[in-house]
Amino acid sequence: MSNWRVEAAAPARADEVAAIERAAFGAASWGEDSVRQGLKAPYVVSLLAYRGDDPAPKGFLMWRRLGEEAEILTLGVISDSRRRGGADALLEAALAQAVGEGVRSMFLEVEAGNEAARALYAKHGFAQVGERRGYYKNGADALVLRKTLAVLPSAESA
């Protein structure tokens, strides 16, 4: 049983999200301005993960809906909370929200050498559909992953 809770991250929480993002990604961080813009961007959903009763968020996820497709823009958990279920909780919440909004496919990019992230996404049913050479600031390649989501029956077919 997970002891994580996931809540929406409003633009007013930008400082907290930026701090988590900076702690999670270090030199690969988007930067505070980009995080703030992401929190305000149209069609972007931002989530925070909290462990147990701790009032400080330990992870975050941003995803964007694009019609029947969506993409995970970023997912990060601070180092002392990794491998404890926070990323799973965030990913499960995002996927459930996406299904509820009629999204049929979820995409993301992951650094080819990030074995932990690749294992997380594989566990949740993501499969590689492409590759982007030199995609990241550090020159690393990205793998493009996709997951087909369950489609909720429409009111017309009920």
Protein backbone atom coordinates (compact mmCIF):
# COMPACT_ATOMS: atom_id res chain seq x y z
CA MET A 1 0.00 0.00 0.00
CA SER A 2 1.37 3.37 -1.00
CA ASN A 3 1.88 6.03 1.64
CA TRP A 4 2.00 8.74 -1.04
CA ARG A 5 -0.65 11.29 -1.87
CA VAL A 6 -0.72 13.31 -5.06
CA GLU A 7 -2.27 16.76 -5.39
CA ALA A 8 -2.54 19.40 -8.10
CA ALA A 9 0.24 21.99 -8.15
CA ALA A 10 -1.13 25.47 -8.73
CA PRO A 11 1.06 28.25 -10.20
CA ALA A 12 1.27 29.72 -6.68
CA ARG A 13 3.39 26.67 -5.74
CA ALA A 14 6.06 27.57 -8.32
CA ASP A 15 8.81 28.09 -5.72
CA GLU A 16 8.27 24.61 -4.27
CA VAL A 17 8.08 22.94 -7.68
CA ALA A 18 11.20 24.77 -8.87
CA ALA A 19 13.09 23.70 -5.73
CA ILE A 20 12.12 20.05 -6.25
CA GLU A 21 13.00 20.25 -9.94
CA ARG A 22 16.40 21.78 -9.15
CA ALA A 23 17.10 19.16 -6.46
CA ALA A 24 15.98 16.30 -8.72
CA PHE A 25 17.84 17.32 -11.88
CA GLY A 26 20.81 19.44 -10.76
CA ALA A 27 22.74 20.69 -13.81
CA ALA A 28 20.02 19.32 -16.13
CA SER A 29 17.38 21.51 -14.45
CA TRP A 30 14.98 23.45 -16.66
CA GLY A 31 15.48 26.49 -14.41
CA GLU A 32 13.00 28.38 -12.28
CA ASP A 33 11.60 30.51 -15.12
CA SER A 34 10.81 27.47 -17.23
CA VAL A 35 9.12 25.75 -14.29
CA ARG A 36 6.99 28.85 -13.66
CA GLN A 37 6.01 29.02 -17.33
CA GLY A 38 5.15 25.32 -17.31
CA LEU A 39 2.84 25.74 -14.34
CA LYS A 40 0.90 28.45 -16.21
CA ALA A 41 0.95 26.92 -19.70
CA PRO A 42 -2.34 25.95 -21.35
CA TYR A 43 -3.25 22.27 -21.19
CA VAL A 44 -0.44 21.51 -18.71
CA VAL A 45 -1.33 19.61 -15.55
CA SER A 46 1.15 19.79 -12.68
CA LEU A 47 1.15 17.40 -9.74
CA LEU A 48 2.98 17.23 -6.42
CA ALA A 49 3.68 14.08 -4.41
CA TYR A 50 3.77 14.02 -0.61
CA ARG A 51 5.05 11.16 1.51
CA GLY A 52 2.87 10.22 4.45
CA ASP A 53 1.93 13.22 6.57
CA ASP A 54 4.98 15.26 5.57
CA PRO A 55 3.73 18.69 4.41
CA ALA A 56 6.73 19.20 2.10
CA PRO A 57 6.33 17.78 -1.42
CA LYS A 58 8.97 15.25 -2.46
CA GLY A 59 8.25 14.98 -6.17
CA PHE A 60 6.45 16.54 -9.08
CA LEU A 61 5.18 15.71 -12.55
CA MET A 62 4.02 17.92 -15.41
CA TRP A 63 2.04 16.56 -18.33
CA ARG A 64 0.33 18.24 -21.26
CA ARG A 65 -2.80 17.19 -23.11
CA LEU A 66 -2.82 17.59 -26.87
CA GLY A 67 -6.24 16.34 -27.98
CA GLU A 68 -6.32 12.56 -27.71
CA GLU A 69 -2.57 12.47 -27.09
CA ALA A 70 -0.59 13.68 -24.13
CA GLU A 71 3.02 13.93 -23.11
CA ILE A 72 4.81 13.78 -19.82
CA LEU A 73 6.99 16.87 -19.81
CA THR A 74 8.96 16.14 -16.66
CA LEU A 75 8.92 13.93 -13.59
CA GLY A 76 11.28 14.33 -10.66
CA VAL A 77 11.65 13.11 -7.10
CA ILE A 78 14.21 14.44 -4.65
CA SER A 79 17.08 12.05 -3.99
CA ASP A 80 16.24 11.07 -0.39
CA SER A 81 12.76 9.97 -1.49
CA ARG A 82 13.66 8.01 -4.64
CA ARG A 83 12.79 4.35 -5.04
CA ARG A 84 10.07 4.63 -2.42
CA GLY A 85 6.99 4.87 -4.66
CA GLY A 86 6.66 8.60 -5.28
CA ALA A 87 7.33 8.42 -9.02
CA ASP A 88 4.88 5.51 -9.28
CA ALA A 89 2.21 7.52 -7.46
CA LEU A 90 2.77 10.55 -9.69
CA LEU A 91 2.73 8.51 -12.88
CA GLU A 92 -0.40 6.58 -11.86
CA ALA A 93 -2.19 9.85 -11.04
CA ALA A 94 -1.22 11.43 -14.36
CA LEU A 95 -2.29 8.37 -16.34
CA ALA A 96 -5.63 8.21 -14.52
CA GLN A 97 -6.26 11.91 -15.16
CA ALA A 98 -5.35 11.50 -18.82
CA VAL A 99 -7.74 8.57 -19.26
CA GLY A 100 -10.46 10.62 -17.55
CA GLU A 101 -9.89 13.40 -20.07
CA GLY A 102 -10.18 11.08 -23.06
CA VAL A 103 -6.47 10.79 -23.83
CA ARG A 104 -5.67 7.66 -25.86
CA SER A 105 -1.85 7.77 -25.94
CA MET A 106 0.76 9.14 -23.56
CA PHE A 107 4.27 9.95 -24.80
CA LEU A 108 7.51 10.98 -23.11
CA GLU A 109 11.23 11.27 -23.69
CA VAL A 110 13.70 9.62 -21.34
CA GLU A 111 17.48 9.76 -21.38
CA ALA A 112 18.72 6.56 -22.99
CA GLY A 113 21.16 5.91 -20.14
CA ASN A 114 18.68 6.49 -17.31
CA GLU A 115 18.03 2.86 -16.40
CA ALA A 116 15.93 3.66 -13.31
CA ALA A 117 13.55 5.90 -15.26
CA ARG A 118 13.36 3.43 -18.14
CA ALA A 119 12.46 0.65 -15.70
CA LEU A 120 9.75 2.83 -14.13
CA TYR A 121 8.17 3.57 -17.49
CA ALA A 122 8.41 -0.05 -18.65
CA LYS A 123 6.69 -1.13 -15.43
CA HIS A 124 3.80 1.17 -16.36
CA GLY A 125 3.52 -0.16 -19.91
CA PHE A 126 5.49 2.40 -21.91
CA ALA A 127 7.33 1.07 -24.97
CA GLN A 128 9.96 2.68 -27.16
CA VAL A 129 8.66 4.14 -30.44
CA GLY A 130 11.57 6.37 -31.41
CA GLU A 131 14.89 7.94 -30.55
CA ARG A 132 16.21 11.52 -30.59
CA ARG A 133 19.98 11.82 -30.97
CA GLY A 134 21.69 14.47 -28.84
CA TYR A 135 18.35 15.59 -27.36
CA TYR A 136 19.53 16.63 -23.90
CA LYS A 137 21.80 19.53 -22.87
CA ASN A 138 24.54 17.06 -22.02
CA GLY A 139 24.37 15.57 -25.53
CA ALA A 140 22.67 12.36 -24.41
CA ASP A 141 20.15 10.64 -26.64
CA ALA A 142 16.49 10.43 -25.71
CA LEU A 143 14.23 7.46 -26.21
CA VAL A 144 10.66 8.30 -27.18
CA LEU A 145 8.21 6.11 -25.29
CA ARG A 146 4.47 5.66 -25.73
CA LYS A 147 1.70 4.00 -23.77
CA THR A 148 -1.75 3.29 -25.18
CA LEU A 149 -4.33 4.21 -22.56
CA ALA A 150 -7.61 2.52 -21.77
CA VAL A 151 -10.51 4.23 -23.46
CA LEU A 152 -13.51 4.98 -21.32
CA PRO A 153 -16.86 4.13 -22.95
CA SER A 154 -18.64 7.19 -24.25
CA ALA A 155 -22.17 8.10 -23.17
CA GLU A 156 -23.37 7.24 -26.70
CA SER A 157 -22.12 3.63 -26.51
CA ALA A 158 -23.58 3.02 -23.06
